[in-house]
Amino acid sequence: MSENTAIPLVVVFGLITILLIRSRDVRWWQALVIALFGVYIGQTPFLFTINSFVTWFLSGFTHT
């Protein structure tokens, strides 16, 4: 994953995490967003698998 791709994802996941923490009400899908944020920040080897899944999932919304 290039730096140009990772930075916007980290910013988006970071903002969502901050908003969730402030609301003090975290559901399962919100915990998933926080976990994705941690993986993108950590740049773990598991990142490539997660990135492929996120790209596949998001491409479903833009598929024509």
C-alpha atoms as a PDB file:
ATOM      1  CA  MET A   1       0.000   0.000   0.000  1.00  0.00           C
ATOM      2  CA  SER A   2       1.388   3.347  -0.936  1.00  0.00           C
ATOM      3  CA  GLU A   3       1.629   6.250   1.446  1.00  0.00           C
ATOM      4  CA  ASN A   4      -0.803   8.242  -0.699  1.00  0.00           C
ATOM      5  CA  THR A   5      -3.439   5.572  -0.122  1.00  0.00           C
ATOM      6  CA  ALA A   6      -2.778   4.916   3.554  1.00  0.00           C
ATOM      7  CA  ILE A   7      -2.823   8.508   4.805  1.00  0.00           C
ATOM      8  CA  PRO A   8      -6.443   9.324   3.794  1.00  0.00           C
ATOM      9  CA  LEU A   9      -7.651   6.026   5.278  1.00  0.00           C
ATOM     10  CA  VAL A  10      -5.821   6.711   8.535  1.00  0.00           C
ATOM     11  CA  VAL A  11      -7.313  10.203   8.720  1.00  0.00           C
ATOM     12  CA  VAL A  12     -10.857   8.959   8.076  1.00  0.00           C
ATOM     13  CA  PHE A  13     -10.590   6.069  10.533  1.00  0.00           C
ATOM     14  CA  GLY A  14      -8.971   8.404  13.085  1.00  0.00           C
ATOM     15  CA  LEU A  15     -11.799  10.943  12.870  1.00  0.00           C
ATOM     16  CA  ILE A  16     -14.415   8.212  13.195  1.00  0.00           C
ATOM     17  CA  THR A  17     -12.607   6.795  16.221  1.00  0.00           C
ATOM     18  CA  ILE A  18     -12.453  10.196  17.927  1.00  0.00           C
ATOM     19  CA  LEU A  19     -16.175  10.716  17.367  1.00  0.00           C
ATOM     20  CA  LEU A  20     -16.978   7.258  18.722  1.00  0.00           C
ATOM     21  CA  ILE A  21     -14.890   7.767  21.831  1.00  0.00           C
ATOM     22  CA  ARG A  22     -16.611  11.067  22.527  1.00  0.00           C
ATOM     23  CA  SER A  23     -20.070   9.501  22.231  1.00  0.00           C
ATOM     24  CA  ARG A  24     -19.179   6.729  24.753  1.00  0.00           C
ATOM     25  CA  ASP A  25     -21.378   4.280  22.895  1.00  0.00           C
ATOM     26  CA  VAL A  26     -19.437   1.745  20.837  1.00  0.00           C
ATOM     27  CA  ARG A  27     -21.244  -1.013  18.925  1.00  0.00           C
ATOM     28  CA  TRP A  28     -19.716  -4.029  17.154  1.00  0.00           C
ATOM     29  CA  TRP A  29     -19.335  -2.315  13.791  1.00  0.00           C
ATOM     30  CA  GLN A  30     -17.799   0.696  15.474  1.00  0.00           C
ATOM     31  CA  ALA A  31     -15.298  -1.562  17.179  1.00  0.00           C
ATOM     32  CA  LEU A  32     -14.476  -2.944  13.724  1.00  0.00           C
ATOM     33  CA  VAL A  33     -13.756   0.588  12.477  1.00  0.00           C
ATOM     34  CA  ILE A  34     -11.472   1.185  15.451  1.00  0.00           C
ATOM     35  CA  ALA A  35      -9.677  -2.108  14.747  1.00  0.00           C
ATOM     36  CA  LEU A  36      -9.191  -1.141  11.086  1.00  0.00           C
ATOM     37  CA  PHE A  37      -7.739   2.170  12.219  1.00  0.00           C
ATOM     38  CA  GLY A  38      -5.271   0.319  14.429  1.00  0.00           C
ATOM     39  CA  VAL A  39      -4.218  -1.992  11.616  1.00  0.00           C
ATOM     40  CA  TYR A  40      -3.635   0.897   9.221  1.00  0.00           C
ATOM     41  CA  ILE A  41      -1.664   2.785  11.851  1.00  0.00           C
ATOM     42  CA  GLY A  42       0.385  -0.265  12.777  1.00  0.00           C
ATOM     43  CA  GLN A  43       1.152  -1.291   9.169  1.00  0.00           C
ATOM     44  CA  THR A  44       1.170  -4.946  10.223  1.00  0.00           C
ATOM     45  CA  PRO A  45       1.726  -7.724   7.661  1.00  0.00           C
ATOM     46  CA  PHE A  46      -1.978  -8.551   8.013  1.00  0.00           C
ATOM     47  CA  LEU A  47      -2.620  -5.117   6.484  1.00  0.00           C
ATOM     48  CA  PHE A  48      -2.372  -6.448   2.923  1.00  0.00           C
ATOM     49  CA  THR A  49      -5.206  -8.931   3.496  1.00  0.00           C
ATOM     50  CA  ILE A  50      -7.387  -6.327   5.192  1.00  0.00           C
ATOM     51  CA  ASN A  51      -6.577  -3.735   2.527  1.00  0.00           C
ATOM     52  CA  SER A  52      -7.639  -6.155  -0.227  1.00  0.00           C
ATOM     53  CA  PHE A  53     -10.931  -6.785   1.565  1.00  0.00           C
ATOM     54  CA  VAL A  54     -11.603  -3.066   2.177  1.00  0.00           C
ATOM     55  CA  THR A  55     -10.783  -2.264  -1.455  1.00  0.00           C
ATOM     56  CA  TRP A  56     -13.094  -5.047  -2.652  1.00  0.00           C
ATOM     57  CA  PHE A  57     -15.895  -3.877  -0.343  1.00  0.00           C
ATOM     58  CA  LEU A  58     -15.588  -0.213  -1.313  1.00  0.00           C
ATOM     59  CA  SER A  59     -15.361  -1.006  -5.029  1.00  0.00           C
ATOM     60  CA  GLY A  60     -18.837  -2.516  -4.762  1.00  0.00           C
ATOM     61  CA  PHE A  61     -20.231   0.962  -4.129  1.00  0.00           C
ATOM     62  CA  THR A  62     -18.483   2.465  -7.155  1.00  0.00           C
ATOM     63  CA  HIS A  63     -19.038  -0.411  -9.566  1.00  0.00           C
ATOM     64  CA  THR A  64     -21.095   0.574 -12.592  1.00  0.00           C
END
